[in-house]
PDB file of N, CA and C in Angstrom:
ATOM      1  N   UNK A   1       0.832  -1.184   0.000  1.00  0.00           N
ATOM      2  CA  UNK A   1       0.000   0.000   0.000  1.00  0.00           C
ATOM      3  C   UNK A   1       0.875   1.246   0.000  1.00  0.00           C
ATOM      4  N   UNK A   2       2.000   1.169   0.720  1.00  0.00           N
ATOM      5  CA  UNK A   2       2.897   2.316   0.767  1.00  0.00           C
ATOM      6  C   UNK A   2       3.496   2.600  -0.612  1.00  0.00           C
ATOM      7  N   UNK A   3       3.839   1.543  -1.342  1.00  0.00           N
ATOM      8  CA  UNK A   3       4.387   1.723  -2.698  1.00  0.00           C
ATOM      9  C   UNK A   3       3.347   2.352  -3.617  1.00  0.00           C
ATOM     10  N   UNK A   4       2.083   1.958  -3.471  1.00  0.00           N
ATOM     11  CA  UNK A   4       1.025   2.567  -4.280  1.00  0.00           C
ATOM     12  C   UNK A   4       0.839   4.038  -3.930  1.00  0.00           C
ATOM     13  N   UNK A   5       0.965   4.381  -2.661  1.00  0.00           N
ATOM     14  CA  UNK A   5       0.842   5.778  -2.241  1.00  0.00           C
ATOM     15  C   UNK A   5       1.957   6.621  -2.857  1.00  0.00           C
ATOM     16  N   UNK A   6       3.174   6.110  -2.828  1.00  0.00           N
ATOM     17  CA  UNK A   6       4.300   6.845  -3.417  1.00  0.00           C
ATOM     18  C   UNK A   6       4.079   7.014  -4.916  1.00  0.00           C
ATOM     19  N   UNK A   7       3.683   5.922  -5.596  1.00  0.00           N
ATOM     20  CA  UNK A   7       3.455   5.999  -7.041  1.00  0.00           C
ATOM     21  C   UNK A   7       2.307   6.955  -7.361  1.00  0.00           C
ATOM     22  N   UNK A   8       1.221   6.905  -6.590  1.00  0.00           N
ATOM     23  CA  UNK A   8       0.080   7.782  -6.821  1.00  0.00           C
ATOM     24  C   UNK A   8       0.473   9.242  -6.658  1.00  0.00           C
ATOM     25  N   UNK A   9       1.197   9.568  -5.617  1.00  0.00           N
ATOM     26  CA  UNK A   9       1.605  10.957  -5.409  1.00  0.00           C
ATOM     27  C   UNK A   9       2.512  11.448  -6.531  1.00  0.00           C
ATOM     28  N   UNK A  10       3.382  10.602  -6.992  1.00  0.00           N
ATOM     29  CA  UNK A  10       4.287  11.015  -8.076  1.00  0.00           C
ATOM     30  C   UNK A  10       3.509  11.283  -9.359  1.00  0.00           C
ATOM     31  N   UNK A  11       2.595  10.396  -9.705  1.00  0.00           N
ATOM     32  CA  UNK A  11       1.821  10.548 -10.942  1.00  0.00           C
ATOM     33  C   UNK A  11       0.805  11.672 -10.797  1.00  0.00           C
ATOM     34  N   UNK A  12       0.087  11.719  -9.691  1.00  0.00           N
ATOM     35  CA  UNK A  12      -0.951  12.726  -9.502  1.00  0.00           C
ATOM     36  C   UNK A  12      -0.361  14.138  -9.445  1.00  0.00           C
ATOM     37  N   UNK A  13       0.772  14.295  -8.808  1.00  0.00           N
ATOM     38  CA  UNK A  13       1.407  15.607  -8.745  1.00  0.00           C
ATOM     39  C   UNK A  13       1.816  16.104 -10.115  1.00  0.00           C
ATOM     40  N   UNK A  14       2.211  15.190 -10.970  1.00  0.00           N
ATOM     41  CA  UNK A  14       2.629  15.585 -12.309  1.00  0.00           C
ATOM     42  C   UNK A  14       1.425  15.880 -13.193  1.00  0.00           C
ATOM     43  N   UNK A  15       0.363  15.101 -13.065  1.00  0.00           N
ATOM     44  CA  UNK A  15      -0.797  15.293 -13.928  1.00  0.00           C
ATOM     45  C   UNK A  15      -1.671  16.465 -13.494  1.00  0.00           C
ATOM     46  N   UNK A  16      -1.925  16.594 -12.210  1.00  0.00           N
ATOM     47  CA  UNK A  16      -2.877  17.605 -11.756  1.00  0.00           C
ATOM     48  C   UNK A  16      -2.288  19.012 -11.732  1.00  0.00           C
ATOM     49  N   UNK A  17      -1.055  19.138 -11.309  1.00  0.00           N
ATOM     50  CA  UNK A  17      -0.463  20.463 -11.162  1.00  0.00           C
ATOM     51  C   UNK A  17       0.659  20.741 -12.146  1.00  0.00           C
ATOM     52  N   UNK A  18       1.027  19.769 -12.931  1.00  0.00           N
ATOM     53  CA  UNK A  18       2.097  19.962 -13.890  1.00  0.00           C
ATOM     54  C   UNK A  18       3.471  20.072 -13.252  1.00  0.00           C
ATOM     55  N   UNK A  19       3.587  19.628 -12.013  1.00  0.00           N
ATOM     56  CA  UNK A  19       4.875  19.689 -11.322  1.00  0.00           C
ATOM     57  C   UNK A  19       5.772  18.548 -11.774  1.00  0.00           C
ATOM     58  N   UNK A  20       7.035  18.725 -11.511  1.00  0.00           N
ATOM     59  CA  UNK A  20       7.997  17.673 -11.795  1.00  0.00           C
ATOM     60  C   UNK A  20       7.843  16.582 -10.747  1.00  0.00           C
ATOM     61  N   UNK A  21       7.808  15.337 -11.192  1.00  0.00           N
ATOM     62  CA  UNK A  21       7.695  14.245 -10.227  1.00  0.00           C
ATOM     63  C   UNK A  21       9.045  14.044  -9.547  1.00  0.00           C
ATOM     64  N   UNK A  22       9.135  13.019  -8.753  1.00  0.00           N
ATOM     65  CA  UNK A  22      10.363  12.786  -7.993  1.00  0.00           C
ATOM     66  C   UNK A  22      11.549  12.469  -8.909  1.00  0.00           C
ATOM     67  N   UNK A  23      11.266  12.030 -10.129  1.00  0.00           N
ATOM     68  CA  UNK A  23      12.347  11.738 -11.072  1.00  0.00           C
ATOM     69  C   UNK A  23      13.140  12.963 -11.479  1.00  0.00           C
ATOM     70  N   UNK A  24      12.543  14.135 -11.347  1.00  0.00           N
ATOM     71  CA  UNK A  24      13.235  15.363 -11.722  1.00  0.00           C
ATOM     72  C   UNK A  24      13.841  16.110 -10.555  1.00  0.00           C
ATOM     73  N   UNK A  25      13.735  15.581  -9.378  1.00  0.00           N
ATOM     74  CA  UNK A  25      14.270  16.251  -8.191  1.00  0.00           C
ATOM     75  C   UNK A  25      15.761  15.980  -8.044  1.00  0.00           C
ATOM     76  N   UNK A  26      16.417  16.801  -7.246  1.00  0.00           N
ATOM     77  CA  UNK A  26      17.872  16.687  -7.101  1.00  0.00           C
ATOM     78  C   UNK A  26      18.289  15.443  -6.325  1.00  0.00           C
ATOM     79  N   UNK A  27      17.438  14.929  -5.459  1.00  0.00           N
ATOM     80  CA  UNK A  27      17.806  13.769  -4.639  1.00  0.00           C
ATOM     81  C   UNK A  27      17.476  12.446  -5.318  1.00  0.00           C
ATOM     82  N   UNK A  28      16.946  12.490  -6.551  1.00  0.00           N
ATOM     83  CA  UNK A  28      16.555  11.247  -7.206  1.00  0.00           C
ATOM     84  C   UNK A  28      17.721  10.276  -7.404  1.00  0.00           C
ATOM     85  N   UNK A  29      18.937  10.729  -7.762  1.00  0.00           N
ATOM     86  CA  UNK A  29      20.039   9.762  -7.868  1.00  0.00           C
ATOM     87  C   UNK A  29      20.334   9.022  -6.563  1.00  0.00           C
ATOM     88  N   UNK A  30      20.116   9.676  -5.432  1.00  0.00           N
ATOM     89  CA  UNK A  30      20.317   9.006  -4.142  1.00  0.00           C
ATOM     90  C   UNK A  30      19.278   7.911  -3.960  1.00  0.00           C
ATOM     91  N   UNK A  31      18.014   8.231  -4.252  1.00  0.00           N
ATOM     92  CA  UNK A  31      16.963   7.221  -4.141  1.00  0.00           C
ATOM     93  C   UNK A  31      17.171   6.090  -5.140  1.00  0.00           C
ATOM     94  N   UNK A  32      17.636   6.421  -6.329  1.00  0.00           N
ATOM     95  CA  UNK A  32      17.892   5.400  -7.337  1.00  0.00           C
ATOM     96  C   UNK A  32      19.014   4.467  -6.897  1.00  0.00           C
ATOM     97  N   UNK A  33      20.062   5.012  -6.291  1.00  0.00           N
ATOM     98  CA  UNK A  33      21.147   4.178  -5.787  1.00  0.00           C
ATOM     99  C   UNK A  33      20.697   3.280  -4.642  1.00  0.00           C
ATOM    100  N   UNK A  34      19.896   3.844  -3.736  1.00  0.00           N
ATOM    101  CA  UNK A  34      19.363   3.031  -2.631  1.00  0.00           C
ATOM    102  C   UNK A  34      18.443   1.942  -3.152  1.00  0.00           C
ATOM    103  N   UNK A  35      17.651   2.261  -4.182  1.00  0.00           N
ATOM    104  CA  UNK A  35      16.773   1.251  -4.761  1.00  0.00           C
ATOM    105  C   UNK A  35      17.584   0.128  -5.404  1.00  0.00           C
ATOM    106  N   UNK A  36      18.710   0.471  -6.011  1.00  0.00           N
ATOM    107  CA  UNK A  36      19.568  -0.566  -6.586  1.00  0.00           C
ATOM    108  C   UNK A  36      20.094  -1.521  -5.527  1.00  0.00           C
ATOM    109  N   UNK A  37      20.512  -0.976  -4.394  1.00  0.00           N
ATOM    110  CA  UNK A  37      20.967  -1.832  -3.294  1.00  0.00           C
ATOM    111  C   UNK A  37      19.833  -2.663  -2.723  1.00  0.00           C
ATOM    112  N   UNK A  38      18.644  -2.070  -2.661  1.00  0.00           N
ATOM    113  CA  UNK A  38      17.486  -2.801  -2.170  1.00  0.00           C
ATOM    114  C   UNK A  38      17.113  -3.946  -3.115  1.00  0.00           C
ATOM    115  N   UNK A  39      17.129  -3.676  -4.410  1.00  0.00           N
ATOM    116  CA  UNK A  39      16.829  -4.725  -5.391  1.00  0.00           C
ATOM    117  C   UNK A  39      17.856  -5.845  -5.299  1.00  0.00           C
ATOM    118  N   UNK A  40      19.118  -5.481  -5.086  1.00  0.00           N
ATOM    119  CA  UNK A  40      20.157  -6.498  -4.924  1.00  0.00           C
ATOM    120  C   UNK A  40      19.853  -7.386  -3.717  1.00  0.00           C
ATOM    121  N   UNK A  41      19.385  -6.788  -2.629  1.00  0.00           N
ATOM    122  CA  UNK A  41      19.058  -7.556  -1.429  1.00  0.00           C
ATOM    123  C   UNK A  41      17.888  -8.509  -1.691  1.00  0.00           C
ATOM    124  N   UNK A  42      16.847  -8.043  -2.391  1.00  0.00           N
ATOM    125  CA  UNK A  42      15.717  -8.905  -2.745  1.00  0.00           C
ATOM    126  C   UNK A  42      16.166 -10.054  -3.650  1.00  0.00           C
ATOM    127  N   UNK A  43      16.997  -9.744  -4.658  1.00  0.00           N
ATOM    128  CA  UNK A  43      17.459 -10.786  -5.578  1.00  0.00           C
ATOM    129  C   UNK A  43      18.386 -11.776  -4.887  1.00  0.00           C
ATOM    130  N   UNK A  44      19.160 -11.307  -3.916  1.00  0.00           N
ATOM    131  CA  UNK A  44      19.998 -12.231  -3.150  1.00  0.00           C
ATOM    132  C   UNK A  44      19.117 -13.203  -2.352  1.00  0.00           C
ATOM    133  N   UNK A  45      18.072 -12.693  -1.740  1.00  0.00           N
ATOM    134  CA  UNK A  45      17.143 -13.566  -1.023  1.00  0.00           C
ATOM    135  C   UNK A  45      16.484 -14.571  -1.949  1.00  0.00           C
ATOM    136  N   UNK A  46      16.104 -14.135  -3.143  1.00  0.00           N
ATOM    137  CA  UNK A  46      15.505 -15.045  -4.120  1.00  0.00           C
ATOM    138  C   UNK A  46      16.508 -16.105  -4.563  1.00  0.00           C
ATOM    139  N   UNK A  47      17.743 -15.707  -4.792  1.00  0.00           N
ATOM    140  CA  UNK A  47      18.777 -16.656  -5.191  1.00  0.00           C
ATOM    141  C   UNK A  47      19.026 -17.693  -4.103  1.00  0.00           C
ATOM    142  N   UNK A  48      19.134 -17.239  -2.853  1.00  0.00           N
ATOM    143  CA  UNK A  48      19.354 -18.171  -1.745  1.00  0.00           C
ATOM    144  C   UNK A  48      18.164 -19.125  -1.608  1.00  0.00           C
ATOM    145  N   UNK A  49      16.952 -18.606  -1.817  1.00  0.00           N
ATOM    146  CA  UNK A  49      15.772 -19.468  -1.751  1.00  0.00           C
ATOM    147  C   UNK A  49      15.823 -20.557  -2.828  1.00  0.00           C
ATOM    148  N   UNK A  50      16.149 -20.169  -4.050  1.00  0.00           N
ATOM    149  CA  UNK A  50      16.208 -21.142  -5.143  1.00  0.00           C
ATOM    150  C   UNK A  50      17.317 -22.155  -4.890  1.00  0.00           C
ATOM    151  N   UNK A  51      18.485 -21.697  -4.461  1.00  0.00           N
ATOM    152  CA  UNK A  51      19.581 -22.629  -4.194  1.00  0.00           C
ATOM    153  C   UNK A  51      19.227 -23.590  -3.059  1.00  0.00           C
ATOM    154  N   UNK A  52      18.553 -23.087  -2.044  1.00  0.00           N
ATOM    155  CA  UNK A  52      18.151 -23.953  -0.936  1.00  0.00           C
ATOM    156  C   UNK A  52      17.070 -24.927  -1.390  1.00  0.00           C
ATOM    157  N   UNK A  53      16.138 -24.449  -2.173  1.00  0.00           N
ATOM    158  CA  UNK A  53      15.020 -25.283  -2.644  1.00  0.00           C
ATOM    159  C   UNK A  53      15.516 -26.453  -3.487  1.00  0.00           C
ATOM    160  N   UNK A  54      16.492 -26.204  -4.334  1.00  0.00           N
ATOM    161  CA  UNK A  54      17.012 -27.245  -5.225  1.00  0.00           C
ATOM    162  C   UNK A  54      18.290 -27.896  -4.697  1.00  0.00           C
ATOM    163  N   UNK A  55      18.556 -27.698  -3.416  1.00  0.00           N
ATOM    164  CA  UNK A  55      19.648 -28.344  -2.705  1.00  0.00           C
ATOM    165  C   UNK A  55      21.026 -28.115  -3.344  1.00  0.00           C
ATOM    166  N   UNK A  56      21.257 -26.900  -3.764  1.00  0.00           N
ATOM    167  CA  UNK A  56      22.574 -26.510  -4.270  1.00  0.00           C
ATOM    168  C   UNK A  56      23.362 -25.989  -3.074  1.00  0.00           C
ATOM    169  N   UNK A  57      24.526 -26.536  -2.849  1.00  0.00           N
ATOM    170  CA  UNK A  57      25.318 -26.174  -1.669  1.00  0.00           C
ATOM    171  C   UNK A  57      26.096 -24.886  -1.954  1.00  0.00           C
ATOM    172  N   UNK A  58      25.365 -23.773  -1.969  1.00  0.00           N
ATOM    173  CA  UNK A  58      25.977 -22.479  -2.266  1.00  0.00           C
ATOM    174  C   UNK A  58      26.943 -22.049  -1.167  1.00  0.00           C
ATOM    175  N   UNK A  59      26.736 -22.536   0.055  1.00  0.00           N
ATOM    176  CA  UNK A  59      27.631 -22.180   1.159  1.00  0.00           C
ATOM    177  C   UNK A  59      29.031 -22.719   0.882  1.00  0.00           C
ATOM    178  N   UNK A  60      29.090 -23.911   0.355  1.00  0.00           N
ATOM    179  CA  UNK A  60      30.379 -24.514  -0.004  1.00  0.00           C
ATOM    180  C   UNK A  60      30.950 -23.854  -1.260  1.00  0.00           C
ATOM    181  N   UNK A  61      30.096 -23.596  -2.252  1.00  0.00           N
ATOM    182  CA  UNK A  61      30.575 -23.015  -3.508  1.00  0.00           C
ATOM    183  C   UNK A  61      31.181 -21.621  -3.317  1.00  0.00           C
ATOM    184  N   UNK A  62      30.547 -20.814  -2.474  1.00  0.00           N
ATOM    185  CA  UNK A  62      31.039 -19.451  -2.233  1.00  0.00           C
ATOM    186  C   UNK A  62      31.991 -19.367  -1.042  1.00  0.00           C
ATOM    187  N   UNK A  63      32.264 -20.497  -0.420  1.00  0.00           N
ATOM    188  CA  UNK A  63      33.167 -20.579   0.727  1.00  0.00           C
ATOM    189  C   UNK A  63      32.733 -19.660   1.868  1.00  0.00           C
ATOM    190  N   UNK A  64      31.421 -19.681   2.172  1.00  0.00           N
ATOM    191  CA  UNK A  64      30.891 -18.924   3.302  1.00  0.00           C
ATOM    192  C   UNK A  64      31.129 -19.691   4.588  1.00  0.00           C
ATOM    193  N   UNK A  65      31.110 -18.961   5.696  1.00  0.00           N
ATOM    194  CA  UNK A  65      31.168 -19.591   7.006  1.00  0.00           C
ATOM    195  C   UNK A  65      29.755 -20.073   7.345  1.00  0.00           C
ATOM    196  N   UNK A  66      29.531 -21.367   7.489  1.00  0.00           N
ATOM    197  CA  UNK A  66      28.164 -21.878   7.712  1.00  0.00           C
ATOM    198  C   UNK A  66      27.499 -21.349   8.976  1.00  0.00           C
ATOM    199  N   UNK A  67      28.284 -20.875   9.942  1.00  0.00           N
ATOM    200  CA  UNK A  67      27.695 -20.346  11.167  1.00  0.00           C
ATOM    201  C   UNK A  67      27.111 -18.954  10.982  1.00  0.00           C
ATOM    202  N   UNK A  68      27.501 -18.255   9.905  1.00  0.00           N
ATOM    203  CA  UNK A  68      27.074 -16.872   9.700  1.00  0.00           C
ATOM    204  C   UNK A  68      26.145 -16.687   8.504  1.00  0.00           C
ATOM    205  N   UNK A  69      25.542 -17.761   8.016  1.00  0.00           N
ATOM    206  CA  UNK A  69      24.691 -17.679   6.830  1.00  0.00           C
ATOM    207  C   UNK A  69      23.232 -17.554   7.265  1.00  0.00           C
ATOM    208  N   UNK A  70      22.522 -16.576   6.689  1.00  0.00           N
ATOM    209  CA  UNK A  70      21.106 -16.383   6.990  1.00  0.00           C
ATOM    210  C   UNK A  70      20.240 -17.283   6.106  1.00  0.00           C
ATOM    211  N   UNK A  71      19.075 -17.606   6.621  1.00  0.00           N
ATOM    212  CA  UNK A  71      18.113 -18.364   5.829  1.00  0.00           C
ATOM    213  C   UNK A  71      17.414 -17.403   4.868  1.00  0.00           C
ATOM    214  N   UNK A  72      16.754 -17.921   3.826  1.00  0.00           N
ATOM    215  CA  UNK A  72      16.030 -17.022   2.912  1.00  0.00           C
ATOM    216  C   UNK A  72      14.962 -16.186   3.622  1.00  0.00           C
ATOM    217  N   UNK A  73      14.313 -16.756   4.630  1.00  0.00           N
ATOM    218  CA  UNK A  73      13.285 -16.000   5.352  1.00  0.00           C
ATOM    219  C   UNK A  73      13.907 -14.818   6.089  1.00  0.00           C
ATOM    220  N   UNK A  74      15.066 -15.019   6.701  1.00  0.00           N
ATOM    221  CA  UNK A  74      15.751 -13.911   7.383  1.00  0.00           C
ATOM    222  C   UNK A  74      16.142 -12.813   6.394  1.00  0.00           C
ATOM    223  N   UNK A  75      16.609 -13.226   5.219  1.00  0.00           N
ATOM    224  CA  UNK A  75      17.004 -12.249   4.201  1.00  0.00           C
ATOM    225  C   UNK A  75      15.791 -11.463   3.723  1.00  0.00           C
ATOM    226  N   UNK A  76      14.671 -12.153   3.491  1.00  0.00           N
ATOM    227  CA  UNK A  76      13.455 -11.466   3.053  1.00  0.00           C
ATOM    228  C   UNK A  76      12.912 -10.542   4.144  1.00  0.00           C
ATOM    229  N   UNK A  77      12.986 -10.954   5.400  1.00  0.00           N
ATOM    230  CA  UNK A  77      12.537 -10.076   6.490  1.00  0.00           C
ATOM    231  C   UNK A  77      13.367  -8.801   6.556  1.00  0.00           C
ATOM    232  N   UNK A  78      14.674  -8.921   6.382  1.00  0.00           N
ATOM    233  CA  UNK A  78      15.532  -7.735   6.359  1.00  0.00           C
ATOM    234  C   UNK A  78      15.204  -6.845   5.161  1.00  0.00           C
ATOM    235  N   UNK A  79      14.959  -7.466   4.008  1.00  0.00           N
ATOM    236  CA  UNK A  79      14.641  -6.701   2.805  1.00  0.00           C
ATOM    237  C   UNK A  79      13.310  -5.966   2.951  1.00  0.00           C
ATOM    238  N   UNK A  80      12.337  -6.586   3.598  1.00  0.00           N
ATOM    239  CA  UNK A  80      11.047  -5.927   3.822  1.00  0.00           C
ATOM    240  C   UNK A  80      11.228  -4.714   4.727  1.00  0.00           C
ATOM    241  N   UNK A  81      11.979  -4.866   5.792  1.00  0.00           N
ATOM    242  CA  UNK A  81      12.225  -3.735   6.697  1.00  0.00           C
ATOM    243  C   UNK A  81      12.920  -2.584   5.968  1.00  0.00           C
ATOM    244  N   UNK A  82      13.924  -2.914   5.170  1.00  0.00           N
ATOM    245  CA  UNK A  82      14.648  -1.881   4.431  1.00  0.00           C
ATOM    246  C   UNK A  82      13.759  -1.215   3.384  1.00  0.00           C
ATOM    247  N   UNK A  83      12.875  -1.990   2.749  1.00  0.00           N
ATOM    248  CA  UNK A  83      11.969  -1.431   1.755  1.00  0.00           C
ATOM    249  C   UNK A  83      10.984  -0.462   2.395  1.00  0.00           C
ATOM    250  N   UNK A  84      10.478  -0.804   3.568  1.00  0.00           N
ATOM    251  CA  UNK A  84       9.562   0.111   4.261  1.00  0.00           C
ATOM    252  C   UNK A  84      10.250   1.425   4.617  1.00  0.00           C
ATOM    253  N   UNK A  85      11.457   1.354   5.122  1.00  0.00           N
ATOM    254  CA  UNK A  85      12.202   2.576   5.455  1.00  0.00           C
ATOM    255  C   UNK A  85      12.458   3.392   4.199  1.00  0.00           C
ATOM    256  N   UNK A  86      12.831   2.735   3.118  1.00  0.00           N
ATOM    257  CA  UNK A  86      13.099   3.419   1.851  1.00  0.00           C
ATOM    258  C   UNK A  86      11.851   4.137   1.344  1.00  0.00           C
ATOM    259  N   UNK A  87      10.710   3.451   1.325  1.00  0.00           N
ATOM    260  CA  UNK A  87       9.486   4.060   0.816  1.00  0.00           C
ATOM    261  C   UNK A  87       8.998   5.200   1.703  1.00  0.00           C
ATOM    262  N   UNK A  88       9.139   5.053   3.006  1.00  0.00           N
ATOM    263  CA  UNK A  88       8.744   6.143   3.912  1.00  0.00           C
ATOM    264  C   UNK A  88       9.634   7.358   3.690  1.00  0.00           C
ATOM    265  N   UNK A  89      10.929   7.157   3.570  1.00  0.00           N
ATOM    266  CA  UNK A  89      11.844   8.282   3.323  1.00  0.00           C
ATOM    267  C   UNK A  89      11.546   8.947   1.981  1.00  0.00           C
ATOM    268  N   UNK A  90      11.259   8.135   0.965  1.00  0.00           N
ATOM    269  CA  UNK A  90      10.950   8.682  -0.354  1.00  0.00           C
ATOM    270  C   UNK A  90       9.650   9.481  -0.317  1.00  0.00           C
ATOM    271  N   UNK A  91       8.644   8.962   0.367  1.00  0.00           N
ATOM    272  CA  UNK A  91       7.370   9.668   0.467  1.00  0.00           C
ATOM    273  C   UNK A  91       7.512  10.966   1.250  1.00  0.00           C
ATOM    274  N   UNK A  92       8.224  10.930   2.356  1.00  0.00           N
ATOM    275  CA  UNK A  92       8.419  12.145   3.146  1.00  0.00           C
ATOM    276  C   UNK A  92       9.197  13.200   2.371  1.00  0.00           C
ATOM    277  N   UNK A  93      10.216  12.784   1.633  1.00  0.00           N
ATOM    278  CA  UNK A  93      10.973  13.739   0.820  1.00  0.00           C
ATOM    279  C   UNK A  93      10.079  14.356  -0.242  1.00  0.00           C
ATOM    280  N   UNK A  94       9.311  13.511  -0.919  1.00  0.00           N
ATOM    281  CA  UNK A  94       8.452  14.014  -1.983  1.00  0.00           C
ATOM    282  C   UNK A  94       7.375  14.950  -1.439  1.00  0.00           C
ATOM    283  N   UNK A  95       6.799  14.608  -0.291  1.00  0.00           N
ATOM    284  CA  UNK A  95       5.747  15.444   0.294  1.00  0.00           C
ATOM    285  C   UNK A  95       6.290  16.779   0.787  1.00  0.00           C
ATOM    286  N   UNK A  96       7.478  16.784   1.361  1.00  0.00           N
ATOM    287  CA  UNK A  96       8.019  18.052   1.841  1.00  0.00           C
ATOM    288  C   UNK A  96       8.441  18.961   0.692  1.00  0.00           C
ATOM    289  N   UNK A  97       8.835  18.375  -0.417  1.00  0.00           N
ATOM    290  CA  UNK A  97       9.260  19.179  -1.560  1.00  0.00           C
ATOM    291  C   UNK A  97       8.089  19.656  -2.423  1.00  0.00           C
ATOM    292  N   UNK A  98       6.927  19.008  -2.308  1.00  0.00           N
ATOM    293  CA  UNK A  98       5.817  19.351  -3.203  1.00  0.00           C
ATOM    294  C   UNK A  98       4.797  20.295  -2.563  1.00  0.00           C
ATOM    295  N   UNK A  99       5.046  20.778  -1.374  1.00  0.00           N
ATOM    296  CA  UNK A  99       4.155  21.704  -0.670  1.00  0.00           C
ATOM    297  C   UNK A  99       2.780  21.108  -0.403  1.00  0.00           C
ATOM    298  N   UNK A 100       2.657  19.791  -0.434  1.00  0.00           N
ATOM    299  CA  UNK A 100       1.407  19.131  -0.040  1.00  0.00           C
ATOM    300  C   UNK A 100       1.434  18.935   1.459  1.00  0.00           C
ATOM    301  N   UNK A 101       0.263  18.854   2.031  1.00  0.00           N
ATOM    302  CA  UNK A 101       0.185  18.522   3.449  1.00  0.00           C
ATOM    303  C   UNK A 101       0.170  17.015   3.563  1.00  0.00           C
ATOM    304  N   UNK A 102       1.063  16.505   4.374  1.00  0.00           N
ATOM    305  CA  UNK A 102       1.107  15.056   4.561  1.00  0.00           C
ATOM    306  C   UNK A 102      -0.132  14.579   5.292  1.00  0.00           C
ATOM    307  N   UNK A 103      -0.538  15.315   6.308  1.00  0.00           N
ATOM    308  CA  UNK A 103      -1.754  14.991   7.055  1.00  0.00           C
ATOM    309  C   UNK A 103      -2.631  16.239   7.026  1.00  0.00           C
ATOM    310  N   UNK A 104      -3.592  16.305   6.114  1.00  0.00           N
ATOM    311  CA  UNK A 104      -4.424  17.526   6.013  1.00  0.00           C
ATOM    312  C   UNK A 104      -5.242  17.739   7.289  1.00  0.00           C
ATOM    313  N   UNK A 105      -5.600  19.009   7.516  1.00  0.00           N
ATOM    314  CA  UNK A 105      -6.406  19.350   8.695  1.00  0.00           C
ATOM    315  C   UNK A 105      -7.777  18.708   8.569  1.00  0.00           C
ATOM    316  N   UNK A 106      -8.232  18.177   9.670  1.00  0.00           N
ATOM    317  CA  UNK A 106      -9.550  17.517   9.675  1.00  0.00           C
ATOM    318  C   UNK A 106     -10.622  18.426  10.203  1.00  0.00           C
TER     319      UNK A 106
END
């Protein structure tokens, strides 16, 4: 739901008021770099899941220490937490720069 809110604000701000979306802001390269690291974390979790599912001994192949290897569920839980922080930071940045009220007066 948070991702839909961020996407809606970006599209709606551009269509309704003709403003530049977050892609044209100065901090967009920072968000793009963070998103790249986040995508890498998600893909690493997916890779570990597939290797575990098909019994590929990736721990031996990559010469990892077996005592320090996370399970795919742990990796996905970390990725979810990081994604929530990323989306909240992106939404707050976009809202503060667009002169919208984050929580309108009731």
